[in-house]
């Protein structure tokens, strides 16, 4: 409005995607010789959003080209990998926010406009997000689909993890490796030939991600992690968060005792069971757990590709496995 008419109101009404309009009071609105800028403070309400309280600055300049062109300013990332909703080389501003911005601009002018979005300090904040894993460099992403902040949920986490898988496949990975997190990733790199973008950290969202991966035409899938977590898949507990699933300790202990009898020492963890076992006992138990995981996942999700499982302890040492591992070229420890 300031760029087109030389005047801007103290309060602006912005149209949300579903048609509702909402009012905002900019923190600052300023014009210089080339263009105009406005800023507002991000209010995430009760949502534990890492950008809550951040300054969001947008600059608009006339463009010689038609349409609305987006640029990443200070603290906004740039996409570097294929597989996201925005192609490589573009600012990490998702289609939803882009559409909202374009609609807002077109309410004012039909001329070509360049929109530069900045989040001062965003490059530091981005290190605490999924962006580095998603190949988004230099800052944060501008996300959203409704224009409203929603409470932090599984959906937000699931979408970030799904993007990791999408990037993996888009970059030619035919045999991804699902791990719970950093420990699993380190163990995979220790024991297997791991290619770039092959590892996908799924956290606790195993059911969601297994359903997602079955949509792809792949050569194989490897699940790798600690038996204390992955054994929950054998029990059909597809969300492995400790607050939303039962401990794998009782069935693992029962499986051991059916074969070898009672443990000599006391423990209440799956890791504790394995630390008391002789090598041949440990390998038998891990192989049996891995096979039951493989069978249960196959029965539940019916993947059209081969499924394999590798179990490692907390130190990353190999415990056991099930399935054909030739796609991942195991290396000597």
C-alpha atoms as a PDB file:
ATOM      1  CA  UNK A   1       0.000   0.000   0.000  1.00  0.00           C
ATOM      2  CA  UNK A   2       2.836   2.367   0.846  1.00  0.00           C
ATOM      3  CA  UNK A   3       4.730   1.422  -2.319  1.00  0.00           C
ATOM      4  CA  UNK A   4       1.691   1.903  -4.565  1.00  0.00           C
ATOM      5  CA  UNK A   5       0.031   4.955  -3.058  1.00  0.00           C
ATOM      6  CA  UNK A   6       2.571   6.574  -0.753  1.00  0.00           C
ATOM      7  CA  UNK A   7       0.309   5.975   2.233  1.00  0.00           C
ATOM      8  CA  UNK A   8      -0.217   3.076   4.619  1.00  0.00           C
ATOM      9  CA  UNK A   9      -2.794   2.698   7.409  1.00  0.00           C
ATOM     10  CA  UNK A  10      -1.796   1.973  10.988  1.00  0.00           C
ATOM     11  CA  UNK A  11      -3.728  -1.307  10.849  1.00  0.00           C
ATOM     12  CA  UNK A  12      -3.955  -3.688   7.884  1.00  0.00           C
ATOM     13  CA  UNK A  13      -6.467  -6.413   7.114  1.00  0.00           C
ATOM     14  CA  UNK A  14      -5.009  -9.597   5.652  1.00  0.00           C
ATOM     15  CA  UNK A  15      -7.078 -12.305   3.957  1.00  0.00           C
ATOM     16  CA  UNK A  16      -6.509 -15.849   5.209  1.00  0.00           C
ATOM     17  CA  UNK A  17      -6.730 -18.787   2.766  1.00  0.00           C
ATOM     18  CA  UNK A  18     -10.177 -19.830   3.977  1.00  0.00           C
ATOM     19  CA  UNK A  19     -11.590 -16.332   3.339  1.00  0.00           C
ATOM     20  CA  UNK A  20     -11.525 -14.844   6.826  1.00  0.00           C
ATOM     21  CA  UNK A  21      -9.769 -11.508   7.266  1.00  0.00           C
ATOM     22  CA  UNK A  22      -7.651 -10.634  10.275  1.00  0.00           C
ATOM     23  CA  UNK A  23      -6.159  -7.322  11.409  1.00  0.00           C
ATOM     24  CA  UNK A  24      -2.502  -6.646  12.219  1.00  0.00           C
ATOM     25  CA  UNK A  25      -0.661  -3.596  13.503  1.00  0.00           C
ATOM     26  CA  UNK A  26       2.829  -3.389  11.970  1.00  0.00           C
ATOM     27  CA  UNK A  27       5.711  -2.584  14.284  1.00  0.00           C
ATOM     28  CA  UNK A  28       7.218  -0.318  11.635  1.00  0.00           C
ATOM     29  CA  UNK A  29       6.497   0.797   8.087  1.00  0.00           C
ATOM     30  CA  UNK A  30       9.193   2.662   6.178  1.00  0.00           C
ATOM     31  CA  UNK A  31       9.949   3.862   2.659  1.00  0.00           C
ATOM     32  CA  UNK A  32      13.286   4.591   1.029  1.00  0.00           C
ATOM     33  CA  UNK A  33      14.371   5.572  -2.474  1.00  0.00           C
ATOM     34  CA  UNK A  34      14.028   2.063  -3.882  1.00  0.00           C
ATOM     35  CA  UNK A  35      11.121   0.459  -2.064  1.00  0.00           C
ATOM     36  CA  UNK A  36       9.283  -0.082   1.199  1.00  0.00           C
ATOM     37  CA  UNK A  37       9.545  -2.349   4.210  1.00  0.00           C
ATOM     38  CA  UNK A  38       7.307  -3.359   7.086  1.00  0.00           C
ATOM     39  CA  UNK A  39       7.947  -5.407  10.203  1.00  0.00           C
ATOM     40  CA  UNK A  40       5.894  -7.261  12.783  1.00  0.00           C
ATOM     41  CA  UNK A  41       6.684  -9.403  15.829  1.00  0.00           C
ATOM     42  CA  UNK A  42       5.739 -13.084  15.511  1.00  0.00           C
ATOM     43  CA  UNK A  43       3.184 -14.082  18.143  1.00  0.00           C
ATOM     44  CA  UNK A  44       2.849 -17.850  18.428  1.00  0.00           C
ATOM     45  CA  UNK A  45       0.447 -17.717  21.366  1.00  0.00           C
ATOM     46  CA  UNK A  46       0.770 -20.840  23.520  1.00  0.00           C
ATOM     47  CA  UNK A  47       2.558 -22.764  20.768  1.00  0.00           C
ATOM     48  CA  UNK A  48       6.213 -23.598  21.583  1.00  0.00           C
ATOM     49  CA  UNK A  49       7.316 -22.134  18.236  1.00  0.00           C
ATOM     50  CA  UNK A  50      11.034 -21.367  18.026  1.00  0.00           C
ATOM     51  CA  UNK A  51      10.218 -18.150  16.129  1.00  0.00           C
ATOM     52  CA  UNK A  52       7.870 -16.798  18.803  1.00  0.00           C
ATOM     53  CA  UNK A  53       8.860 -13.189  19.480  1.00  0.00           C
ATOM     54  CA  UNK A  54      11.027 -12.957  16.367  1.00  0.00           C
ATOM     55  CA  UNK A  55      10.954  -9.910  14.145  1.00  0.00           C
ATOM     56  CA  UNK A  56       9.555 -10.649  10.683  1.00  0.00           C
ATOM     57  CA  UNK A  57      10.607  -8.055   8.109  1.00  0.00           C
ATOM     58  CA  UNK A  58       9.275  -7.860   4.553  1.00  0.00           C
ATOM     59  CA  UNK A  59      10.578  -5.541   1.867  1.00  0.00           C
ATOM     60  CA  UNK A  60       8.753  -4.849  -1.410  1.00  0.00           C
ATOM     61  CA  UNK A  61      10.239  -3.355  -4.561  1.00  0.00           C
ATOM     62  CA  UNK A  62       8.849  -2.817  -8.022  1.00  0.00           C
ATOM     63  CA  UNK A  63      10.002  -5.478 -10.463  1.00  0.00           C
ATOM     64  CA  UNK A  64      10.541  -5.314 -14.213  1.00  0.00           C
ATOM     65  CA  UNK A  65       9.063  -8.801 -14.548  1.00  0.00           C
ATOM     66  CA  UNK A  66       5.426  -9.785 -14.175  1.00  0.00           C
ATOM     67  CA  UNK A  67       4.151 -11.513 -11.090  1.00  0.00           C
ATOM     68  CA  UNK A  68       5.397 -11.668  -7.528  1.00  0.00           C
ATOM     69  CA  UNK A  69       9.024 -12.754  -7.068  1.00  0.00           C
ATOM     70  CA  UNK A  70      10.290 -14.000  -3.699  1.00  0.00           C
ATOM     71  CA  UNK A  71      13.745 -13.535  -2.233  1.00  0.00           C
ATOM     72  CA  UNK A  72      15.313 -14.843   0.989  1.00  0.00           C
ATOM     73  CA  UNK A  73      16.539 -12.038   3.188  1.00  0.00           C
ATOM     74  CA  UNK A  74      18.591 -12.267   6.358  1.00  0.00           C
ATOM     75  CA  UNK A  75      17.631 -15.350   8.391  1.00  0.00           C
ATOM     76  CA  UNK A  76      15.410 -17.004   5.773  1.00  0.00           C
ATOM     77  CA  UNK A  77      16.773 -20.207   4.275  1.00  0.00           C
ATOM     78  CA  UNK A  78      17.246 -21.354   0.702  1.00  0.00           C
ATOM     79  CA  UNK A  79      16.213 -24.803  -0.543  1.00  0.00           C
ATOM     80  CA  UNK A  80      19.151 -26.863  -1.852  1.00  0.00           C
ATOM     81  CA  UNK A  81      17.684 -30.353  -2.292  1.00  0.00           C
ATOM     82  CA  UNK A  82      14.919 -31.719  -4.492  1.00  0.00           C
ATOM     83  CA  UNK A  83      11.888 -33.330  -2.888  1.00  0.00           C
ATOM     84  CA  UNK A  84      10.329 -30.407  -1.014  1.00  0.00           C
ATOM     85  CA  UNK A  85       7.304 -28.395  -2.113  1.00  0.00           C
ATOM     86  CA  UNK A  86       9.697 -25.620  -3.201  1.00  0.00           C
ATOM     87  CA  UNK A  87      12.390 -26.380  -5.832  1.00  0.00           C
ATOM     88  CA  UNK A  88      16.126 -26.008  -5.147  1.00  0.00           C
ATOM     89  CA  UNK A  89      17.449 -22.481  -5.386  1.00  0.00           C
ATOM     90  CA  UNK A  90      14.234 -20.892  -4.168  1.00  0.00           C
ATOM     91  CA  UNK A  91      13.686 -19.167  -0.807  1.00  0.00           C
ATOM     92  CA  UNK A  92      12.253 -21.527   1.814  1.00  0.00           C
ATOM     93  CA  UNK A  93       8.851 -19.861   1.707  1.00  0.00           C
ATOM     94  CA  UNK A  94       6.190 -22.537   1.364  1.00  0.00           C
ATOM     95  CA  UNK A  95       3.320 -22.462  -1.147  1.00  0.00           C
ATOM     96  CA  UNK A  96       0.742 -21.480   1.488  1.00  0.00           C
ATOM     97  CA  UNK A  97       2.498 -18.289   2.619  1.00  0.00           C
ATOM     98  CA  UNK A  98       3.444 -17.486  -0.998  1.00  0.00           C
ATOM     99  CA  UNK A  99      -0.187 -17.651  -2.048  1.00  0.00           C
ATOM    100  CA  UNK A 100      -1.261 -15.436   0.865  1.00  0.00           C
ATOM    101  CA  UNK A 101       1.413 -12.870  -0.013  1.00  0.00           C
ATOM    102  CA  UNK A 102       0.539 -12.919  -3.710  1.00  0.00           C
ATOM    103  CA  UNK A 103      -3.156 -12.427  -2.940  1.00  0.00           C
ATOM    104  CA  UNK A 104      -2.380  -9.538  -0.612  1.00  0.00           C
ATOM    105  CA  UNK A 105      -0.161  -7.876  -3.215  1.00  0.00           C
ATOM    106  CA  UNK A 106      -2.768  -8.312  -5.943  1.00  0.00           C
ATOM    107  CA  UNK A 107      -5.367  -6.554  -3.815  1.00  0.00           C
ATOM    108  CA  UNK A 108      -3.177  -3.464  -4.167  1.00  0.00           C
ATOM    109  CA  UNK A 109      -1.454  -3.630  -7.555  1.00  0.00           C
ATOM    110  CA  UNK A 110      -1.164  -5.644 -10.768  1.00  0.00           C
ATOM    111  CA  UNK A 111       2.463  -4.586 -11.294  1.00  0.00           C
ATOM    112  CA  UNK A 112       5.405  -6.900 -10.803  1.00  0.00           C
ATOM    113  CA  UNK A 113       6.732  -6.881  -7.239  1.00  0.00           C
ATOM    114  CA  UNK A 114       9.772  -8.423  -5.556  1.00  0.00           C
ATOM    115  CA  UNK A 115       9.079  -9.547  -1.979  1.00  0.00           C
ATOM    116  CA  UNK A 116      12.079 -10.101   0.307  1.00  0.00           C
ATOM    117  CA  UNK A 117      11.334 -11.824   3.622  1.00  0.00           C
ATOM    118  CA  UNK A 118      13.824 -11.575   6.500  1.00  0.00           C
ATOM    119  CA  UNK A 119      13.907 -12.966  10.034  1.00  0.00           C
ATOM    120  CA  UNK A 120      16.873 -11.351  11.842  1.00  0.00           C
ATOM    121  CA  UNK A 121      18.661 -14.018  13.873  1.00  0.00           C
ATOM    122  CA  UNK A 122      16.976 -16.768  11.890  1.00  0.00           C
ATOM    123  CA  UNK A 123      20.190 -18.424  10.776  1.00  0.00           C
ATOM    124  CA  UNK A 124      21.031 -19.195  14.417  1.00  0.00           C
ATOM    125  CA  UNK A 125      17.494 -20.345  15.220  1.00  0.00           C
ATOM    126  CA  UNK A 126      17.488 -22.634  12.179  1.00  0.00           C
ATOM    127  CA  UNK A 127      20.212 -24.814  13.693  1.00  0.00           C
ATOM    128  CA  UNK A 128      17.611 -25.931  16.267  1.00  0.00           C
ATOM    129  CA  UNK A 129      15.095 -27.003  13.613  1.00  0.00           C
ATOM    130  CA  UNK A 130      14.829 -29.758  10.987  1.00  0.00           C
ATOM    131  CA  UNK A 131      16.113 -27.388   8.286  1.00  0.00           C
ATOM    132  CA  UNK A 132      19.752 -28.563   8.217  1.00  0.00           C
ATOM    133  CA  UNK A 133      18.552 -32.147   7.692  1.00  0.00           C
ATOM    134  CA  UNK A 134      16.193 -31.024   4.924  1.00  0.00           C
ATOM    135  CA  UNK A 135      18.900 -29.217   2.969  1.00  0.00           C
ATOM    136  CA  UNK A 136      17.570 -25.752   3.774  1.00  0.00           C
ATOM    137  CA  UNK A 137      20.592 -23.517   4.321  1.00  0.00           C
ATOM    138  CA  UNK A 138      21.049 -20.032   5.671  1.00  0.00           C
ATOM    139  CA  UNK A 139      18.008 -19.706   7.870  1.00  0.00           C
ATOM    140  CA  UNK A 140      14.443 -20.599   8.744  1.00  0.00           C
ATOM    141  CA  UNK A 141      11.489 -21.637   6.620  1.00  0.00           C
ATOM    142  CA  UNK A 142       8.278 -19.661   6.267  1.00  0.00           C
ATOM    143  CA  UNK A 143       5.625 -22.328   6.739  1.00  0.00           C
ATOM    144  CA  UNK A 144       1.876 -22.616   7.076  1.00  0.00           C
ATOM    145  CA  UNK A 145      -1.295 -23.437   5.224  1.00  0.00           C
ATOM    146  CA  UNK A 146      -4.078 -21.631   7.084  1.00  0.00           C
ATOM    147  CA  UNK A 147      -2.465 -18.374   8.201  1.00  0.00           C
ATOM    148  CA  UNK A 148      -3.034 -19.279  11.838  1.00  0.00           C
ATOM    149  CA  UNK A 149      -0.672 -20.803  14.370  1.00  0.00           C
ATOM    150  CA  UNK A 150      -1.805 -24.230  15.482  1.00  0.00           C
ATOM    151  CA  UNK A 151      -0.597 -25.913  18.676  1.00  0.00           C
ATOM    152  CA  UNK A 152       2.567 -27.954  18.209  1.00  0.00           C
ATOM    153  CA  UNK A 153       1.481 -31.448  17.275  1.00  0.00           C
ATOM    154  CA  UNK A 154       2.436 -34.750  15.789  1.00  0.00           C
ATOM    155  CA  UNK A 155       1.347 -33.348  12.440  1.00  0.00           C
ATOM    156  CA  UNK A 156       4.145 -30.771  12.429  1.00  0.00           C
ATOM    157  CA  UNK A 157       6.763 -33.378  13.310  1.00  0.00           C
ATOM    158  CA  UNK A 158       5.361 -35.871  10.824  1.00  0.00           C
ATOM    159  CA  UNK A 159       5.474 -33.353   7.993  1.00  0.00           C
ATOM    160  CA  UNK A 160       9.127 -32.553   8.676  1.00  0.00           C
ATOM    161  CA  UNK A 161      10.056 -36.238   8.739  1.00  0.00           C
ATOM    162  CA  UNK A 162       8.013 -36.943   5.620  1.00  0.00           C
ATOM    163  CA  UNK A 163       9.985 -34.210   3.851  1.00  0.00           C
ATOM    164  CA  UNK A 164      13.210 -36.016   4.788  1.00  0.00           C
ATOM    165  CA  UNK A 165      11.953 -39.168   3.072  1.00  0.00           C
ATOM    166  CA  UNK A 166      10.764 -37.202   0.055  1.00  0.00           C
ATOM    167  CA  UNK A 167      14.193 -35.596  -0.304  1.00  0.00           C
ATOM    168  CA  UNK A 168      15.861 -38.987   0.037  1.00  0.00           C
ATOM    169  CA  UNK A 169      13.815 -40.533  -2.762  1.00  0.00           C
ATOM    170  CA  UNK A 170      14.011 -37.446  -4.978  1.00  0.00           C
ATOM    171  CA  UNK A 171      17.791 -37.630  -4.789  1.00  0.00           C
ATOM    172  CA  UNK A 172      17.881 -41.160  -6.107  1.00  0.00           C
ATOM    173  CA  UNK A 173      17.965 -43.231  -2.907  1.00  0.00           C
ATOM    174  CA  UNK A 174      16.470 -46.657  -3.620  1.00  0.00           C
ATOM    175  CA  UNK A 175      17.140 -48.296  -0.253  1.00  0.00           C
ATOM    176  CA  UNK A 176      16.607 -45.817   2.607  1.00  0.00           C
ATOM    177  CA  UNK A 177      17.573 -46.504   6.201  1.00  0.00           C
ATOM    178  CA  UNK A 178      15.119 -45.567   8.940  1.00  0.00           C
ATOM    179  CA  UNK A 179      16.722 -44.787  12.312  1.00  0.00           C
ATOM    180  CA  UNK A 180      15.183 -43.289  15.467  1.00  0.00           C
ATOM    181  CA  UNK A 181      17.713 -40.458  15.787  1.00  0.00           C
ATOM    182  CA  UNK A 182      21.355 -39.469  16.097  1.00  0.00           C
ATOM    183  CA  UNK A 183      22.483 -42.625  17.888  1.00  0.00           C
ATOM    184  CA  UNK A 184      20.987 -44.805  15.195  1.00  0.00           C
ATOM    185  CA  UNK A 185      22.513 -42.634  12.493  1.00  0.00           C
ATOM    186  CA  UNK A 186      25.973 -43.011  14.018  1.00  0.00           C
ATOM    187  CA  UNK A 187      25.528 -46.772  14.326  1.00  0.00           C
ATOM    188  CA  UNK A 188      24.427 -47.011  10.688  1.00  0.00           C
ATOM    189  CA  UNK A 189      27.485 -45.088   9.530  1.00  0.00           C
ATOM    190  CA  UNK A 190      29.668 -47.381  11.631  1.00  0.00           C
ATOM    191  CA  UNK A 191      28.371 -50.661  10.212  1.00  0.00           C
ATOM    192  CA  UNK A 192      27.054 -49.883   6.725  1.00  0.00           C
ATOM    193  CA  UNK A 193      27.970 -48.133   3.512  1.00  0.00           C
ATOM    194  CA  UNK A 194      25.669 -45.119   3.887  1.00  0.00           C
ATOM    195  CA  UNK A 195      25.123 -42.827   0.910  1.00  0.00           C
ATOM    196  CA  UNK A 196      24.182 -39.149   1.086  1.00  0.00           C
ATOM    197  CA  UNK A 197      20.485 -38.623   1.949  1.00  0.00           C
ATOM    198  CA  UNK A 198      20.047 -42.353   2.638  1.00  0.00           C
ATOM    199  CA  UNK A 199      19.425 -41.961   6.372  1.00  0.00           C
ATOM    200  CA  UNK A 200      15.977 -40.843   7.509  1.00  0.00           C
ATOM    201  CA  UNK A 201      15.548 -40.067  11.215  1.00  0.00           C
ATOM    202  CA  UNK A 202      11.954 -40.959  12.056  1.00  0.00           C
ATOM    203  CA  UNK A 203      11.968 -40.250  15.795  1.00  0.00           C
ATOM    204  CA  UNK A 204       8.989 -42.099  17.275  1.00  0.00           C
ATOM    205  CA  UNK A 205       6.788 -41.835  14.171  1.00  0.00           C
ATOM    206  CA  UNK A 206       7.352 -45.371  12.889  1.00  0.00           C
ATOM    207  CA  UNK A 207       3.777 -46.168  11.936  1.00  0.00           C
ATOM    208  CA  UNK A 208       3.321 -42.933  10.039  1.00  0.00           C
ATOM    209  CA  UNK A 209       6.628 -43.235   8.210  1.00  0.00           C
ATOM    210  CA  UNK A 210       6.191 -46.915   7.371  1.00  0.00           C
ATOM    211  CA  UNK A 211       2.855 -46.063   5.753  1.00  0.00           C
ATOM    212  CA  UNK A 212       4.520 -43.217   3.846  1.00  0.00           C
ATOM    213  CA  UNK A 213       7.464 -45.251   2.573  1.00  0.00           C
ATOM    214  CA  UNK A 214       5.204 -47.986   1.230  1.00  0.00           C
ATOM    215  CA  UNK A 215       3.918 -45.504  -1.354  1.00  0.00           C
ATOM    216  CA  UNK A 216       7.283 -45.483  -3.103  1.00  0.00           C
ATOM    217  CA  UNK A 217       8.775 -47.891  -5.612  1.00  0.00           C
ATOM    218  CA  UNK A 218      11.976 -48.870  -3.785  1.00  0.00           C
ATOM    219  CA  UNK A 219      14.483 -51.689  -3.800  1.00  0.00           C
ATOM    220  CA  UNK A 220      14.409 -52.151  -0.029  1.00  0.00           C
ATOM    221  CA  UNK A 221      14.069 -50.565   3.399  1.00  0.00           C
ATOM    222  CA  UNK A 222      16.266 -51.053   6.453  1.00  0.00           C
ATOM    223  CA  UNK A 223      15.107 -50.361  10.007  1.00  0.00           C
ATOM    224  CA  UNK A 224      18.053 -49.839  12.354  1.00  0.00           C
ATOM    225  CA  UNK A 225      18.053 -48.994  16.032  1.00  0.00           C
ATOM    226  CA  UNK A 226      18.106 -50.163  19.623  1.00  0.00           C
ATOM    227  CA  UNK A 227      15.939 -53.192  20.505  1.00  0.00           C
ATOM    228  CA  UNK A 228      14.446 -51.280  23.420  1.00  0.00           C
ATOM    229  CA  UNK A 229      12.692 -49.053  20.873  1.00  0.00           C
ATOM    230  CA  UNK A 230      12.370 -51.175  17.758  1.00  0.00           C
ATOM    231  CA  UNK A 231      10.996 -54.171  19.641  1.00  0.00           C
ATOM    232  CA  UNK A 232       7.870 -52.087  20.165  1.00  0.00           C
ATOM    233  CA  UNK A 233       7.155 -52.559  16.455  1.00  0.00           C
ATOM    234  CA  UNK A 234       7.058 -56.307  17.071  1.00  0.00           C
ATOM    235  CA  UNK A 235       4.326 -55.484  19.622  1.00  0.00           C
ATOM    236  CA  UNK A 236       2.440 -53.339  17.046  1.00  0.00           C
ATOM    237  CA  UNK A 237       3.183 -50.149  18.922  1.00  0.00           C
ATOM    238  CA  UNK A 238       3.778 -47.828  15.978  1.00  0.00           C
ATOM    239  CA  UNK A 239       4.303 -44.675  18.042  1.00  0.00           C
ATOM    240  CA  UNK A 240       7.312 -45.584  20.180  1.00  0.00           C
ATOM    241  CA  UNK A 241       7.325 -42.542  22.470  1.00  0.00           C
ATOM    242  CA  UNK A 242       7.674 -43.734  26.058  1.00  0.00           C
ATOM    243  CA  UNK A 243       4.602 -41.752  27.116  1.00  0.00           C
ATOM    244  CA  UNK A 244       2.467 -43.339  24.398  1.00  0.00           C
ATOM    245  CA  UNK A 245       3.739 -46.908  24.320  1.00  0.00           C
ATOM    246  CA  UNK A 246       4.510 -49.754  26.669  1.00  0.00           C
ATOM    247  CA  UNK A 247       7.990 -50.920  27.575  1.00  0.00           C
ATOM    248  CA  UNK A 248       9.518 -53.631  25.383  1.00  0.00           C
ATOM    249  CA  UNK A 249      11.312 -55.045  28.434  1.00  0.00           C
ATOM    250  CA  UNK A 250       8.726 -57.686  29.506  1.00  0.00           C
ATOM    251  CA  UNK A 251       8.363 -59.446  26.123  1.00  0.00           C
ATOM    252  CA  UNK A 252      12.114 -59.294  25.440  1.00  0.00           C
ATOM    253  CA  UNK A 253      12.831 -60.781  28.872  1.00  0.00           C
ATOM    254  CA  UNK A 254      10.216 -63.489  28.315  1.00  0.00           C
ATOM    255  CA  UNK A 255      11.708 -64.367  24.944  1.00  0.00           C
ATOM    256  CA  UNK A 256      15.143 -64.746  26.525  1.00  0.00           C
ATOM    257  CA  UNK A 257      13.891 -66.798  29.468  1.00  0.00           C
ATOM    258  CA  UNK A 258      11.955 -69.200  27.235  1.00  0.00           C
ATOM    259  CA  UNK A 259      15.237 -70.091  25.547  1.00  0.00           C
ATOM    260  CA  UNK A 260      17.879 -69.712  28.265  1.00  0.00           C
ATOM    261  CA  UNK A 261      16.146 -69.570  31.638  1.00  0.00           C
ATOM    262  CA  UNK A 262      16.345 -66.866  34.266  1.00  0.00           C
ATOM    263  CA  UNK A 263      18.817 -63.987  34.172  1.00  0.00           C
ATOM    264  CA  UNK A 264      21.488 -64.056  36.848  1.00  0.00           C
ATOM    265  CA  UNK A 265      21.398 -60.306  37.514  1.00  0.00           C
ATOM    266  CA  UNK A 266      18.674 -57.744  38.100  1.00  0.00           C
ATOM    267  CA  UNK A 267      17.713 -55.246  35.422  1.00  0.00           C
ATOM    268  CA  UNK A 268      14.668 -53.323  34.260  1.00  0.00           C
ATOM    269  CA  UNK A 269      15.848 -52.356  30.759  1.00  0.00           C
ATOM    270  CA  UNK A 270      16.360 -54.126  27.441  1.00  0.00           C
ATOM    271  CA  UNK A 271      19.917 -52.792  27.342  1.00  0.00           C
ATOM    272  CA  UNK A 272      20.464 -54.326  30.766  1.00  0.00           C
ATOM    273  CA  UNK A 273      19.387 -57.730  29.489  1.00  0.00           C
ATOM    274  CA  UNK A 274      21.927 -57.678  26.662  1.00  0.00           C
ATOM    275  CA  UNK A 275      24.792 -56.569  28.918  1.00  0.00           C
ATOM    276  CA  UNK A 276      24.393 -59.807  30.929  1.00  0.00           C
ATOM    277  CA  UNK A 277      24.409 -62.201  27.980  1.00  0.00           C
ATOM    278  CA  UNK A 278      27.139 -64.298  26.469  1.00  0.00           C
ATOM    279  CA  UNK A 279      27.898 -63.446  22.818  1.00  0.00           C
ATOM    280  CA  UNK A 280      25.957 -66.373  21.376  1.00  0.00           C
ATOM    281  CA  UNK A 281      22.976 -65.652  23.618  1.00  0.00           C
ATOM    282  CA  UNK A 282      23.023 -61.971  22.677  1.00  0.00           C
ATOM    283  CA  UNK A 283      23.142 -62.724  18.966  1.00  0.00           C
ATOM    284  CA  UNK A 284      20.341 -65.284  19.178  1.00  0.00           C
ATOM    285  CA  UNK A 285      18.079 -62.920  21.110  1.00  0.00           C
ATOM    286  CA  UNK A 286      18.771 -59.941  18.835  1.00  0.00           C
ATOM    287  CA  UNK A 287      18.253 -62.009  15.700  1.00  0.00           C
ATOM    288  CA  UNK A 288      14.947 -63.316  17.050  1.00  0.00           C
ATOM    289  CA  UNK A 289      13.716 -59.822  17.956  1.00  0.00           C
ATOM    290  CA  UNK A 290      14.783 -58.477  14.556  1.00  0.00           C
ATOM    291  CA  UNK A 291      12.944 -61.303  12.776  1.00  0.00           C
ATOM    292  CA  UNK A 292       9.760 -60.684  14.755  1.00  0.00           C
ATOM    293  CA  UNK A 293       9.959 -56.976  13.992  1.00  0.00           C
ATOM    294  CA  UNK A 294      10.402 -57.729  10.293  1.00  0.00           C
ATOM    295  CA  UNK A 295       7.472 -60.142  10.266  1.00  0.00           C
ATOM    296  CA  UNK A 296       5.138 -57.792  12.126  1.00  0.00           C
ATOM    297  CA  UNK A 297       5.959 -54.745   9.987  1.00  0.00           C
ATOM    298  CA  UNK A 298       5.558 -56.810   6.817  1.00  0.00           C
ATOM    299  CA  UNK A 299       2.204 -58.143   7.980  1.00  0.00           C
ATOM    300  CA  UNK A 300       0.944 -54.692   8.954  1.00  0.00           C
ATOM    301  CA  UNK A 301       2.149 -52.591   6.003  1.00  0.00           C
ATOM    302  CA  UNK A 302       2.723 -55.167   3.207  1.00  0.00           C
ATOM    303  CA  UNK A 303       5.602 -53.324   1.510  1.00  0.00           C
ATOM    304  CA  UNK A 304       6.223 -54.173  -2.139  1.00  0.00           C
ATOM    305  CA  UNK A 305       9.973 -54.172  -1.472  1.00  0.00           C
ATOM    306  CA  UNK A 306      12.261 -56.142   0.814  1.00  0.00           C
ATOM    307  CA  UNK A 307      12.437 -55.215   4.486  1.00  0.00           C
ATOM    308  CA  UNK A 308      15.437 -55.772   6.762  1.00  0.00           C
ATOM    309  CA  UNK A 309      16.157 -54.991  10.410  1.00  0.00           C
ATOM    310  CA  UNK A 310      19.436 -54.339  12.264  1.00  0.00           C
ATOM    311  CA  UNK A 311      19.615 -53.959  16.047  1.00  0.00           C
ATOM    312  CA  UNK A 312      22.452 -52.140  17.850  1.00  0.00           C
ATOM    313  CA  UNK A 313      23.131 -51.377  21.499  1.00  0.00           C
ATOM    314  CA  UNK A 314      23.503 -47.971  23.142  1.00  0.00           C
ATOM    315  CA  UNK A 315      27.174 -47.838  22.188  1.00  0.00           C
ATOM    316  CA  UNK A 316      26.343 -48.560  18.564  1.00  0.00           C
ATOM    317  CA  UNK A 317      27.646 -52.148  18.587  1.00  0.00           C
ATOM    318  CA  UNK A 318      25.950 -54.687  16.320  1.00  0.00           C
ATOM    319  CA  UNK A 319      23.576 -57.019  18.168  1.00  0.00           C
ATOM    320  CA  UNK A 320      21.672 -58.873  15.478  1.00  0.00           C
ATOM    321  CA  UNK A 321      19.715 -58.648  12.248  1.00  0.00           C
ATOM    322  CA  UNK A 322      17.039 -60.109  10.014  1.00  0.00           C
ATOM    323  CA  UNK A 323      16.593 -59.966   6.262  1.00  0.00           C
ATOM    324  CA  UNK A 324      18.863 -59.469   3.276  1.00  0.00           C
ATOM    325  CA  UNK A 325      21.431 -56.744   4.003  1.00  0.00           C
ATOM    326  CA  UNK A 326      23.260 -56.804   0.673  1.00  0.00           C
ATOM    327  CA  UNK A 327      21.719 -53.506  -0.448  1.00  0.00           C
ATOM    328  CA  UNK A 328      23.488 -51.716   2.404  1.00  0.00           C
ATOM    329  CA  UNK A 329      26.899 -53.412   2.157  1.00  0.00           C
ATOM    330  CA  UNK A 330      27.734 -54.121   5.824  1.00  0.00           C
ATOM    331  CA  UNK A 331      31.349 -53.329   6.723  1.00  0.00           C
ATOM    332  CA  UNK A 332      33.621 -55.020   9.253  1.00  0.00           C
ATOM    333  CA  UNK A 333      33.411 -53.374  12.689  1.00  0.00           C
END
